[in-house]
């Protein structure tokens, strides 16, 4: 590891201004009181998407509680001052109507359903934190409805933050899988970018991979680069982290210097990989030959940090889980 003067502290999905108020989760009256207060705001998810409005700013179309919300087993996201925030995961239904959202002063246009990938970088700190947390919880609940020990159907407790097995009494909590993501730069100041197997032609990003059991994040960076493109690196610099709940990752960002440059892409991981100068990347993005990860991702920030400026492109949505 090499020291670095600063880290990327304003990553899109690391931002929040909500107090999670974890001590309230075990109190069964927390949800009851929140649902009875018209100050409370509810974030509704459908198939991983939330209702948003677009005007002078992109905003979540949060609403006040309704009488039917208790039956939906809402999750307690936390508080901002005295206001509580809840999330509800609704089954898919018809398209949004005016009744789906409170009116937002000064904004026009019908509300639409969008995912965290689509709008995470455009929301303010409070709303980015709410949607990131709700998306993570939705994915966890969808995948962990049965006890891993005995297979019994689990019950939701602690405001949506615990699933308890009624048969053996075990409690299960949302998990987060650490993953490393790294901008590798060579001695000629070129950046290494690759195209994943399921991605469309021209889609490029930095390398990434999961931290394995019993492995440090620094060791994971070195191993993943060696496995995916066959080169060696040094001078690792930690750059920042952000949650990536697709489905349950915490992305740990690094920058590293390549000591070898002959690439041998793993055919099971990458369709291709190459070194890019700033001029090559800028031209490729400008003419549409290359597309980058969305601005919601830490990958985009690592690339633009190396580039030294913002890279404008067509902002195509992420593909195949690209970070």
C-alpha atoms as a PDB file:
ATOM      1  CA  UNK A   1       0.000   0.000   0.000  1.00  0.00           C
ATOM      2  CA  UNK A   2       1.084   3.562  -0.683  1.00  0.00           C
ATOM      3  CA  UNK A   3      -0.273   6.546   1.280  1.00  0.00           C
ATOM      4  CA  UNK A   4      -2.689   8.901  -0.407  1.00  0.00           C
ATOM      5  CA  UNK A   5      -3.627  12.444   0.536  1.00  0.00           C
ATOM      6  CA  UNK A   6      -7.383  12.139   0.123  1.00  0.00           C
ATOM      7  CA  UNK A   7     -10.110   9.690  -0.711  1.00  0.00           C
ATOM      8  CA  UNK A   8     -13.250   9.927  -2.817  1.00  0.00           C
ATOM      9  CA  UNK A   9     -15.654  10.974  -0.068  1.00  0.00           C
ATOM     10  CA  UNK A  10     -18.636  12.018  -2.204  1.00  0.00           C
ATOM     11  CA  UNK A  11     -19.300   8.806  -4.109  1.00  0.00           C
ATOM     12  CA  UNK A  12     -22.906   8.641  -5.282  1.00  0.00           C
ATOM     13  CA  UNK A  13     -24.120   5.778  -3.113  1.00  0.00           C
ATOM     14  CA  UNK A  14     -22.021   6.573  -0.046  1.00  0.00           C
ATOM     15  CA  UNK A  15     -23.966   9.761   0.620  1.00  0.00           C
ATOM     16  CA  UNK A  16     -26.629   9.953   3.305  1.00  0.00           C
ATOM     17  CA  UNK A  17     -27.987  12.357   5.885  1.00  0.00           C
ATOM     18  CA  UNK A  18     -30.405   9.956   7.584  1.00  0.00           C
ATOM     19  CA  UNK A  19     -29.714   8.594  11.068  1.00  0.00           C
ATOM     20  CA  UNK A  20     -30.398   4.855  10.848  1.00  0.00           C
ATOM     21  CA  UNK A  21     -31.426   4.975  14.542  1.00  0.00           C
ATOM     22  CA  UNK A  22     -30.685   1.287  14.941  1.00  0.00           C
ATOM     23  CA  UNK A  23     -31.685   1.275  18.609  1.00  0.00           C
ATOM     24  CA  UNK A  24     -35.311   1.808  17.563  1.00  0.00           C
ATOM     25  CA  UNK A  25     -35.517  -1.352  15.456  1.00  0.00           C
ATOM     26  CA  UNK A  26     -36.031  -3.734  18.390  1.00  0.00           C
ATOM     27  CA  UNK A  27     -38.942  -1.639  19.688  1.00  0.00           C
ATOM     28  CA  UNK A  28     -42.107  -3.085  18.167  1.00  0.00           C
ATOM     29  CA  UNK A  29     -43.903   0.232  18.616  1.00  0.00           C
ATOM     30  CA  UNK A  30     -41.487   2.069  16.294  1.00  0.00           C
ATOM     31  CA  UNK A  31     -43.290   1.046  13.113  1.00  0.00           C
ATOM     32  CA  UNK A  32     -46.703   1.607  14.685  1.00  0.00           C
ATOM     33  CA  UNK A  33     -45.838   5.138  15.724  1.00  0.00           C
ATOM     34  CA  UNK A  34     -44.235   5.891  12.370  1.00  0.00           C
ATOM     35  CA  UNK A  35     -47.294   4.677  10.472  1.00  0.00           C
ATOM     36  CA  UNK A  36     -49.562   6.817  12.636  1.00  0.00           C
ATOM     37  CA  UNK A  37     -47.598  10.007  11.958  1.00  0.00           C
ATOM     38  CA  UNK A  38     -48.380  12.075   8.889  1.00  0.00           C
ATOM     39  CA  UNK A  39     -44.861  13.481   9.148  1.00  0.00           C
ATOM     40  CA  UNK A  40     -43.466  10.056   8.193  1.00  0.00           C
ATOM     41  CA  UNK A  41     -42.508   9.504   4.560  1.00  0.00           C
ATOM     42  CA  UNK A  42     -42.770   6.162   2.765  1.00  0.00           C
ATOM     43  CA  UNK A  43     -40.547   5.014  -0.104  1.00  0.00           C
ATOM     44  CA  UNK A  44     -42.318   2.471  -2.313  1.00  0.00           C
ATOM     45  CA  UNK A  45     -40.319  -0.049  -4.340  1.00  0.00           C
ATOM     46  CA  UNK A  46     -41.658  -2.161  -7.178  1.00  0.00           C
ATOM     47  CA  UNK A  47     -39.323  -4.664  -8.797  1.00  0.00           C
ATOM     48  CA  UNK A  48     -36.287  -2.718  -7.560  1.00  0.00           C
ATOM     49  CA  UNK A  49     -37.588   0.628  -8.823  1.00  0.00           C
ATOM     50  CA  UNK A  50     -38.839   3.686  -6.988  1.00  0.00           C
ATOM     51  CA  UNK A  51     -41.208   6.389  -8.130  1.00  0.00           C
ATOM     52  CA  UNK A  52     -39.367   9.599  -9.028  1.00  0.00           C
ATOM     53  CA  UNK A  53     -40.231  13.040 -10.362  1.00  0.00           C
ATOM     54  CA  UNK A  54     -38.053  15.120 -12.654  1.00  0.00           C
ATOM     55  CA  UNK A  55     -38.069  18.894 -12.624  1.00  0.00           C
ATOM     56  CA  UNK A  56     -35.384  21.290 -11.520  1.00  0.00           C
ATOM     57  CA  UNK A  57     -34.036  18.289  -9.594  1.00  0.00           C
ATOM     58  CA  UNK A  58     -34.581  14.532  -9.559  1.00  0.00           C
ATOM     59  CA  UNK A  59     -36.495  13.550  -6.425  1.00  0.00           C
ATOM     60  CA  UNK A  60     -38.018  10.448  -4.904  1.00  0.00           C
ATOM     61  CA  UNK A  61     -41.798  10.711  -4.868  1.00  0.00           C
ATOM     62  CA  UNK A  62     -42.160   9.880  -1.175  1.00  0.00           C
ATOM     63  CA  UNK A  63     -45.641   9.795   0.311  1.00  0.00           C
ATOM     64  CA  UNK A  64     -47.371   9.875   3.680  1.00  0.00           C
ATOM     65  CA  UNK A  65     -48.412   6.579   5.333  1.00  0.00           C
ATOM     66  CA  UNK A  66     -51.652   4.881   4.313  1.00  0.00           C
ATOM     67  CA  UNK A  67     -53.988   2.615   6.267  1.00  0.00           C
ATOM     68  CA  UNK A  68     -52.938  -0.383   4.168  1.00  0.00           C
ATOM     69  CA  UNK A  69     -49.200   0.041   4.786  1.00  0.00           C
ATOM     70  CA  UNK A  70     -49.011  -1.996   8.007  1.00  0.00           C
ATOM     71  CA  UNK A  71     -50.019  -5.177   6.159  1.00  0.00           C
ATOM     72  CA  UNK A  72     -47.101  -4.688   3.751  1.00  0.00           C
ATOM     73  CA  UNK A  73     -44.545  -5.091   6.597  1.00  0.00           C
ATOM     74  CA  UNK A  74     -42.629  -1.827   6.054  1.00  0.00           C
ATOM     75  CA  UNK A  75     -38.938  -1.499   6.830  1.00  0.00           C
ATOM     76  CA  UNK A  76     -37.625   1.231   9.113  1.00  0.00           C
ATOM     77  CA  UNK A  77     -34.924   3.186   7.255  1.00  0.00           C
ATOM     78  CA  UNK A  78     -34.197   5.734   9.991  1.00  0.00           C
ATOM     79  CA  UNK A  79     -34.863   9.360  10.868  1.00  0.00           C
ATOM     80  CA  UNK A  80     -34.001  12.849   9.765  1.00  0.00           C
ATOM     81  CA  UNK A  81     -34.746  14.892  12.861  1.00  0.00           C
ATOM     82  CA  UNK A  82     -38.218  13.882  13.999  1.00  0.00           C
ATOM     83  CA  UNK A  83     -39.299  12.520  10.628  1.00  0.00           C
ATOM     84  CA  UNK A  84     -39.213   8.747  10.191  1.00  0.00           C
ATOM     85  CA  UNK A  85     -38.627   7.082   6.833  1.00  0.00           C
ATOM     86  CA  UNK A  86     -40.083   3.714   5.873  1.00  0.00           C
ATOM     87  CA  UNK A  87     -39.807   1.529   2.780  1.00  0.00           C
ATOM     88  CA  UNK A  88     -42.369  -0.862   1.347  1.00  0.00           C
ATOM     89  CA  UNK A  89     -41.742  -3.461  -1.348  1.00  0.00           C
ATOM     90  CA  UNK A  90     -44.936  -3.735  -3.385  1.00  0.00           C
ATOM     91  CA  UNK A  91     -45.790  -6.379  -5.979  1.00  0.00           C
ATOM     92  CA  UNK A  92     -45.769  -5.305  -9.584  1.00  0.00           C
ATOM     93  CA  UNK A  93     -48.928  -3.534 -10.651  1.00  0.00           C
ATOM     94  CA  UNK A  94     -50.209  -1.081 -13.246  1.00  0.00           C
ATOM     95  CA  UNK A  95     -48.275   2.029 -14.172  1.00  0.00           C
ATOM     96  CA  UNK A  96     -48.000   4.965 -11.762  1.00  0.00           C
ATOM     97  CA  UNK A  97     -50.886   7.340 -11.247  1.00  0.00           C
ATOM     98  CA  UNK A  98     -51.130  10.731  -9.638  1.00  0.00           C
ATOM     99  CA  UNK A  99     -52.147   8.979  -6.398  1.00  0.00           C
ATOM    100  CA  UNK A 100     -48.750   7.291  -6.181  1.00  0.00           C
ATOM    101  CA  UNK A 101     -46.924  10.420  -5.058  1.00  0.00           C
ATOM    102  CA  UNK A 102     -47.326  13.592  -3.095  1.00  0.00           C
ATOM    103  CA  UNK A 103     -47.110  16.664  -5.308  1.00  0.00           C
ATOM    104  CA  UNK A 104     -43.681  18.289  -5.405  1.00  0.00           C
ATOM    105  CA  UNK A 105     -43.749  22.052  -5.610  1.00  0.00           C
ATOM    106  CA  UNK A 106     -42.275  23.483  -8.793  1.00  0.00           C
ATOM    107  CA  UNK A 107     -41.883  20.161 -10.606  1.00  0.00           C
ATOM    108  CA  UNK A 108     -43.749  19.014 -13.674  1.00  0.00           C
ATOM    109  CA  UNK A 109     -44.396  15.737 -15.432  1.00  0.00           C
ATOM    110  CA  UNK A 110     -45.875  12.426 -14.342  1.00  0.00           C
ATOM    111  CA  UNK A 111     -43.845  10.366 -11.863  1.00  0.00           C
ATOM    112  CA  UNK A 112     -41.968   7.392 -13.347  1.00  0.00           C
ATOM    113  CA  UNK A 113     -40.377   4.228 -11.943  1.00  0.00           C
ATOM    114  CA  UNK A 114     -36.562   4.211 -11.975  1.00  0.00           C
ATOM    115  CA  UNK A 115     -33.883   2.075 -10.331  1.00  0.00           C
ATOM    116  CA  UNK A 116     -31.032   3.156  -8.094  1.00  0.00           C
ATOM    117  CA  UNK A 117     -28.646   2.526 -10.999  1.00  0.00           C
ATOM    118  CA  UNK A 118     -30.587   5.054 -13.079  1.00  0.00           C
ATOM    119  CA  UNK A 119     -30.888   7.927 -10.619  1.00  0.00           C
ATOM    120  CA  UNK A 120     -28.506   7.300  -7.711  1.00  0.00           C
ATOM    121  CA  UNK A 121     -26.061   9.996  -8.796  1.00  0.00           C
ATOM    122  CA  UNK A 122     -28.826  12.587  -9.333  1.00  0.00           C
ATOM    123  CA  UNK A 123     -30.546  12.369  -5.956  1.00  0.00           C
ATOM    124  CA  UNK A 124     -29.548  14.531  -3.000  1.00  0.00           C
ATOM    125  CA  UNK A 125     -27.685  13.032  -0.037  1.00  0.00           C
ATOM    126  CA  UNK A 126     -30.789  12.178   1.968  1.00  0.00           C
ATOM    127  CA  UNK A 127     -32.651  10.525  -0.868  1.00  0.00           C
ATOM    128  CA  UNK A 128     -29.621   8.696  -2.256  1.00  0.00           C
ATOM    129  CA  UNK A 129     -29.095   7.147   1.157  1.00  0.00           C
ATOM    130  CA  UNK A 130     -32.750   6.146   1.460  1.00  0.00           C
ATOM    131  CA  UNK A 131     -32.938   4.487  -1.949  1.00  0.00           C
ATOM    132  CA  UNK A 132     -29.593   2.711  -1.517  1.00  0.00           C
ATOM    133  CA  UNK A 133     -30.654   1.247   1.817  1.00  0.00           C
ATOM    134  CA  UNK A 134     -34.115   0.266   0.580  1.00  0.00           C
ATOM    135  CA  UNK A 135     -32.674  -1.392  -2.533  1.00  0.00           C
ATOM    136  CA  UNK A 136     -30.231  -3.393  -0.422  1.00  0.00           C
ATOM    137  CA  UNK A 137     -32.967  -4.547   1.961  1.00  0.00           C
ATOM    138  CA  UNK A 138     -35.294  -5.482  -0.898  1.00  0.00           C
ATOM    139  CA  UNK A 139     -32.663  -7.716  -2.450  1.00  0.00           C
ATOM    140  CA  UNK A 140     -31.855  -9.369   0.860  1.00  0.00           C
ATOM    141  CA  UNK A 141     -35.485 -10.100   1.739  1.00  0.00           C
ATOM    142  CA  UNK A 142     -36.131 -11.529  -1.723  1.00  0.00           C
ATOM    143  CA  UNK A 143     -33.232 -13.992  -1.440  1.00  0.00           C
ATOM    144  CA  UNK A 144     -33.424 -14.970   2.229  1.00  0.00           C
ATOM    145  CA  UNK A 145     -36.996 -15.951   2.994  1.00  0.00           C
ATOM    146  CA  UNK A 146     -36.060 -19.340   4.407  1.00  0.00           C
ATOM    147  CA  UNK A 147     -33.794 -20.369   7.269  1.00  0.00           C
ATOM    148  CA  UNK A 148     -30.409 -21.598   5.964  1.00  0.00           C
ATOM    149  CA  UNK A 149     -30.229 -24.046   8.878  1.00  0.00           C
ATOM    150  CA  UNK A 150     -33.571 -25.849   8.676  1.00  0.00           C
ATOM    151  CA  UNK A 151     -35.381 -24.426   5.638  1.00  0.00           C
ATOM    152  CA  UNK A 152     -38.365 -23.034   7.561  1.00  0.00           C
ATOM    153  CA  UNK A 153     -40.031 -19.844   6.394  1.00  0.00           C
ATOM    154  CA  UNK A 154     -38.547 -16.938   8.356  1.00  0.00           C
ATOM    155  CA  UNK A 155     -40.403 -14.026   9.959  1.00  0.00           C
ATOM    156  CA  UNK A 156     -39.492 -10.364   9.504  1.00  0.00           C
ATOM    157  CA  UNK A 157     -38.615  -8.568  12.756  1.00  0.00           C
ATOM    158  CA  UNK A 158     -36.657  -5.526  13.986  1.00  0.00           C
ATOM    159  CA  UNK A 159     -38.218  -3.150  11.492  1.00  0.00           C
ATOM    160  CA  UNK A 160     -37.132  -5.224   8.505  1.00  0.00           C
ATOM    161  CA  UNK A 161     -33.512  -5.710   9.601  1.00  0.00           C
ATOM    162  CA  UNK A 162     -33.778  -9.275  10.935  1.00  0.00           C
ATOM    163  CA  UNK A 163     -35.412 -12.473   9.706  1.00  0.00           C
ATOM    164  CA  UNK A 164     -36.094 -14.910  12.536  1.00  0.00           C
ATOM    165  CA  UNK A 165     -36.664 -18.641  12.157  1.00  0.00           C
ATOM    166  CA  UNK A 166     -39.747 -19.719  14.159  1.00  0.00           C
ATOM    167  CA  UNK A 167     -38.517 -23.319  14.249  1.00  0.00           C
ATOM    168  CA  UNK A 168     -34.997 -23.053  15.673  1.00  0.00           C
ATOM    169  CA  UNK A 169     -35.002 -19.437  16.890  1.00  0.00           C
ATOM    170  CA  UNK A 170     -31.980 -18.402  14.780  1.00  0.00           C
ATOM    171  CA  UNK A 171     -31.753 -14.818  13.580  1.00  0.00           C
ATOM    172  CA  UNK A 172     -30.414 -13.776  10.199  1.00  0.00           C
ATOM    173  CA  UNK A 173     -29.162 -10.350   9.153  1.00  0.00           C
ATOM    174  CA  UNK A 174     -28.536  -8.551   5.837  1.00  0.00           C
ATOM    175  CA  UNK A 175     -25.132  -9.504   4.497  1.00  0.00           C
ATOM    176  CA  UNK A 176     -22.667  -7.448   2.515  1.00  0.00           C
ATOM    177  CA  UNK A 177     -20.026  -8.976   0.239  1.00  0.00           C
ATOM    178  CA  UNK A 178     -16.770  -6.974  -0.012  1.00  0.00           C
ATOM    179  CA  UNK A 179     -15.485  -6.508  -3.550  1.00  0.00           C
ATOM    180  CA  UNK A 180     -12.435  -4.651  -4.839  1.00  0.00           C
ATOM    181  CA  UNK A 181     -12.425  -2.401  -7.890  1.00  0.00           C
ATOM    182  CA  UNK A 182      -9.209  -0.906  -9.213  1.00  0.00           C
ATOM    183  CA  UNK A 183      -7.874   1.613 -11.686  1.00  0.00           C
ATOM    184  CA  UNK A 184      -4.590   0.121 -12.902  1.00  0.00           C
ATOM    185  CA  UNK A 185      -2.182   2.632 -14.453  1.00  0.00           C
ATOM    186  CA  UNK A 186       1.068   1.765 -16.240  1.00  0.00           C
ATOM    187  CA  UNK A 187       4.387   3.647 -16.257  1.00  0.00           C
ATOM    188  CA  UNK A 188       3.266   5.507 -19.405  1.00  0.00           C
ATOM    189  CA  UNK A 189       0.216   6.811 -17.510  1.00  0.00           C
ATOM    190  CA  UNK A 190      -2.233   4.687 -19.488  1.00  0.00           C
ATOM    191  CA  UNK A 191      -5.297   3.146 -17.834  1.00  0.00           C
ATOM    192  CA  UNK A 192      -6.298  -0.505 -18.129  1.00  0.00           C
ATOM    193  CA  UNK A 193      -9.919  -1.081 -19.198  1.00  0.00           C
ATOM    194  CA  UNK A 194     -11.701  -4.287 -20.095  1.00  0.00           C
ATOM    195  CA  UNK A 195     -14.987  -5.533 -21.550  1.00  0.00           C
ATOM    196  CA  UNK A 196     -16.863  -8.192 -19.591  1.00  0.00           C
ATOM    197  CA  UNK A 197     -18.264 -11.288 -21.280  1.00  0.00           C
ATOM    198  CA  UNK A 198     -21.960 -10.220 -21.189  1.00  0.00           C
ATOM    199  CA  UNK A 199     -21.373  -6.575 -22.078  1.00  0.00           C
ATOM    200  CA  UNK A 200     -22.065  -5.002 -25.478  1.00  0.00           C
ATOM    201  CA  UNK A 201     -19.218  -4.085 -27.818  1.00  0.00           C
ATOM    202  CA  UNK A 202     -17.352  -0.978 -26.713  1.00  0.00           C
ATOM    203  CA  UNK A 203     -18.502  -1.149 -23.093  1.00  0.00           C
ATOM    204  CA  UNK A 204     -15.382  -0.722 -20.934  1.00  0.00           C
ATOM    205  CA  UNK A 205     -14.634  -0.450 -17.249  1.00  0.00           C
ATOM    206  CA  UNK A 206     -11.906  -0.997 -14.685  1.00  0.00           C
ATOM    207  CA  UNK A 207     -11.300  -4.455 -13.231  1.00  0.00           C
ATOM    208  CA  UNK A 208     -13.184  -5.712 -10.171  1.00  0.00           C
ATOM    209  CA  UNK A 209     -13.739  -8.876  -8.181  1.00  0.00           C
ATOM    210  CA  UNK A 210     -14.879 -10.276  -4.849  1.00  0.00           C
ATOM    211  CA  UNK A 211     -12.681 -10.605  -1.784  1.00  0.00           C
ATOM    212  CA  UNK A 212     -12.314 -14.304  -0.998  1.00  0.00           C
ATOM    213  CA  UNK A 213     -12.631 -15.969   2.400  1.00  0.00           C
ATOM    214  CA  UNK A 214      -9.626 -15.266   4.621  1.00  0.00           C
ATOM    215  CA  UNK A 215      -8.235 -12.655   2.206  1.00  0.00           C
ATOM    216  CA  UNK A 216      -7.348  -8.998   2.754  1.00  0.00           C
ATOM    217  CA  UNK A 217      -8.656  -6.425   0.308  1.00  0.00           C
ATOM    218  CA  UNK A 218      -5.093  -5.554  -0.809  1.00  0.00           C
ATOM    219  CA  UNK A 219      -4.349  -9.195  -1.559  1.00  0.00           C
ATOM    220  CA  UNK A 220      -7.624  -9.415  -3.472  1.00  0.00           C
ATOM    221  CA  UNK A 221      -6.615  -6.474  -5.692  1.00  0.00           C
ATOM    222  CA  UNK A 222      -3.306  -8.111  -6.610  1.00  0.00           C
ATOM    223  CA  UNK A 223      -4.906 -11.534  -7.176  1.00  0.00           C
ATOM    224  CA  UNK A 224      -7.823 -10.275  -9.275  1.00  0.00           C
ATOM    225  CA  UNK A 225      -5.569  -8.257 -11.596  1.00  0.00           C
ATOM    226  CA  UNK A 226      -3.228 -11.225 -12.023  1.00  0.00           C
ATOM    227  CA  UNK A 227      -6.101 -13.643 -12.679  1.00  0.00           C
ATOM    228  CA  UNK A 228      -8.037 -11.422 -15.073  1.00  0.00           C
ATOM    229  CA  UNK A 229      -5.250  -9.969 -17.226  1.00  0.00           C
ATOM    230  CA  UNK A 230      -2.012 -11.688 -16.144  1.00  0.00           C
ATOM    231  CA  UNK A 231      -0.011  -8.651 -14.996  1.00  0.00           C
ATOM    232  CA  UNK A 232       1.640  -7.627 -11.729  1.00  0.00           C
ATOM    233  CA  UNK A 233       0.942  -4.412  -9.807  1.00  0.00           C
ATOM    234  CA  UNK A 234       2.397  -2.365  -6.976  1.00  0.00           C
ATOM    235  CA  UNK A 235       1.828   0.931  -5.092  1.00  0.00           C
ATOM    236  CA  UNK A 236      -1.779   0.266  -4.125  1.00  0.00           C
ATOM    237  CA  UNK A 237      -3.692   3.363  -3.023  1.00  0.00           C
ATOM    238  CA  UNK A 238      -7.083   3.122  -1.340  1.00  0.00           C
ATOM    239  CA  UNK A 239      -9.477   5.613  -2.966  1.00  0.00           C
ATOM    240  CA  UNK A 240     -12.848   5.127  -1.310  1.00  0.00           C
ATOM    241  CA  UNK A 241     -15.833   2.816  -1.052  1.00  0.00           C
ATOM    242  CA  UNK A 242     -19.546   2.708  -1.662  1.00  0.00           C
ATOM    243  CA  UNK A 243     -22.358   0.171  -1.356  1.00  0.00           C
ATOM    244  CA  UNK A 244     -23.465  -1.484  -4.574  1.00  0.00           C
ATOM    245  CA  UNK A 245     -26.653  -3.377  -3.712  1.00  0.00           C
ATOM    246  CA  UNK A 246     -26.863  -5.376  -6.968  1.00  0.00           C
ATOM    247  CA  UNK A 247     -27.313  -7.555  -5.098  1.00  0.00           C
ATOM    248  CA  UNK A 248     -25.208  -7.014  -1.947  1.00  0.00           C
ATOM    249  CA  UNK A 249     -21.697  -5.673  -2.513  1.00  0.00           C
ATOM    250  CA  UNK A 250     -19.510  -3.070  -0.849  1.00  0.00           C
ATOM    251  CA  UNK A 251     -17.138  -1.777  -3.521  1.00  0.00           C
ATOM    252  CA  UNK A 252     -13.643  -0.936  -2.208  1.00  0.00           C
ATOM    253  CA  UNK A 253     -11.877   1.318  -4.685  1.00  0.00           C
ATOM    254  CA  UNK A 254      -8.125   1.287  -5.349  1.00  0.00           C
ATOM    255  CA  UNK A 255      -5.564   2.709  -7.705  1.00  0.00           C
ATOM    256  CA  UNK A 256      -2.451   0.690  -8.544  1.00  0.00           C
ATOM    257  CA  UNK A 257       0.636   0.870 -10.748  1.00  0.00           C
ATOM    258  CA  UNK A 258       1.395  -1.900 -13.227  1.00  0.00           C
ATOM    259  CA  UNK A 259       4.912  -3.350 -13.195  1.00  0.00           C
ATOM    260  CA  UNK A 260       4.202  -5.502 -16.272  1.00  0.00           C
ATOM    261  CA  UNK A 261       2.009  -4.598 -19.242  1.00  0.00           C
ATOM    262  CA  UNK A 262       1.630  -7.662 -21.511  1.00  0.00           C
ATOM    263  CA  UNK A 263      -2.059  -8.470 -21.144  1.00  0.00           C
ATOM    264  CA  UNK A 264      -3.481 -11.988 -21.169  1.00  0.00           C
ATOM    265  CA  UNK A 265      -7.236 -11.560 -20.562  1.00  0.00           C
ATOM    266  CA  UNK A 266      -9.012 -14.475 -18.907  1.00  0.00           C
ATOM    267  CA  UNK A 267     -11.474 -15.694 -21.598  1.00  0.00           C
ATOM    268  CA  UNK A 268     -13.981 -16.683 -18.925  1.00  0.00           C
ATOM    269  CA  UNK A 269     -14.036 -13.161 -17.455  1.00  0.00           C
ATOM    270  CA  UNK A 270     -13.210 -10.709 -20.258  1.00  0.00           C
ATOM    271  CA  UNK A 271     -13.896 -10.432 -23.958  1.00  0.00           C
ATOM    272  CA  UNK A 272     -10.965  -8.055 -24.296  1.00  0.00           C
ATOM    273  CA  UNK A 273      -8.741  -5.667 -22.354  1.00  0.00           C
ATOM    274  CA  UNK A 274      -6.367  -2.894 -23.412  1.00  0.00           C
ATOM    275  CA  UNK A 275      -4.373   0.121 -22.313  1.00  0.00           C
ATOM    276  CA  UNK A 276      -5.780   3.572 -23.106  1.00  0.00           C
ATOM    277  CA  UNK A 277      -4.198   7.009 -23.195  1.00  0.00           C
ATOM    278  CA  UNK A 278      -6.339   9.987 -22.249  1.00  0.00           C
ATOM    279  CA  UNK A 279      -6.572  11.001 -25.886  1.00  0.00           C
ATOM    280  CA  UNK A 280      -7.695   7.527 -26.971  1.00  0.00           C
ATOM    281  CA  UNK A 281     -10.338   7.273 -24.282  1.00  0.00           C
ATOM    282  CA  UNK A 282     -11.673  10.785 -24.846  1.00  0.00           C
ATOM    283  CA  UNK A 283     -11.929  10.259 -28.590  1.00  0.00           C
ATOM    284  CA  UNK A 284     -13.558   6.846 -28.221  1.00  0.00           C
ATOM    285  CA  UNK A 285     -16.165   8.178 -25.805  1.00  0.00           C
ATOM    286  CA  UNK A 286     -16.833  11.266 -27.925  1.00  0.00           C
ATOM    287  CA  UNK A 287     -17.470   9.303 -31.129  1.00  0.00           C
ATOM    288  CA  UNK A 288     -19.517   6.607 -29.407  1.00  0.00           C
ATOM    289  CA  UNK A 289     -17.091   3.743 -29.952  1.00  0.00           C
ATOM    290  CA  UNK A 290     -16.601   3.410 -26.190  1.00  0.00           C
ATOM    291  CA  UNK A 291     -19.168   3.647 -23.398  1.00  0.00           C
ATOM    292  CA  UNK A 292     -18.389   3.977 -19.706  1.00  0.00           C
ATOM    293  CA  UNK A 293     -20.080   2.858 -16.483  1.00  0.00           C
ATOM    294  CA  UNK A 294     -22.845   5.103 -15.154  1.00  0.00           C
ATOM    295  CA  UNK A 295     -22.119   8.056 -12.895  1.00  0.00           C
ATOM    296  CA  UNK A 296     -23.703   6.119 -10.048  1.00  0.00           C
ATOM    297  CA  UNK A 297     -20.721   3.754 -10.008  1.00  0.00           C
ATOM    298  CA  UNK A 298     -17.339   4.076  -8.322  1.00  0.00           C
ATOM    299  CA  UNK A 299     -15.843   2.727 -11.557  1.00  0.00           C
ATOM    300  CA  UNK A 300     -16.761   5.938 -13.365  1.00  0.00           C
ATOM    301  CA  UNK A 301     -15.171   8.026 -10.607  1.00  0.00           C
ATOM    302  CA  UNK A 302     -11.934   6.026 -10.722  1.00  0.00           C
ATOM    303  CA  UNK A 303     -11.722   6.468 -14.483  1.00  0.00           C
ATOM    304  CA  UNK A 304     -12.453  10.196 -14.358  1.00  0.00           C
ATOM    305  CA  UNK A 305     -10.033  10.700 -11.475  1.00  0.00           C
ATOM    306  CA  UNK A 306      -7.245   9.295 -13.673  1.00  0.00           C
ATOM    307  CA  UNK A 307      -8.504  11.287 -16.678  1.00  0.00           C
ATOM    308  CA  UNK A 308      -8.479  14.498 -14.646  1.00  0.00           C
ATOM    309  CA  UNK A 309     -11.912  15.739 -15.711  1.00  0.00           C
ATOM    310  CA  UNK A 310     -15.460  14.706 -16.457  1.00  0.00           C
ATOM    311  CA  UNK A 311     -15.976  12.524 -19.513  1.00  0.00           C
ATOM    312  CA  UNK A 312     -19.250  13.237 -21.277  1.00  0.00           C
ATOM    313  CA  UNK A 313     -20.973  10.370 -23.049  1.00  0.00           C
ATOM    314  CA  UNK A 314     -24.436   9.121 -23.889  1.00  0.00           C
ATOM    315  CA  UNK A 315     -24.971   7.898 -20.289  1.00  0.00           C
ATOM    316  CA  UNK A 316     -26.114   4.468 -21.386  1.00  0.00           C
ATOM    317  CA  UNK A 317     -27.400   2.297 -18.498  1.00  0.00           C
ATOM    318  CA  UNK A 318     -25.063  -0.230 -16.912  1.00  0.00           C
ATOM    319  CA  UNK A 319     -24.984  -3.670 -18.471  1.00  0.00           C
ATOM    320  CA  UNK A 320     -24.357  -7.049 -16.963  1.00  0.00           C
ATOM    321  CA  UNK A 321     -23.688  -5.700 -13.483  1.00  0.00           C
ATOM    322  CA  UNK A 322     -20.874  -3.412 -14.632  1.00  0.00           C
ATOM    323  CA  UNK A 323     -19.594  -1.156 -11.868  1.00  0.00           C
END
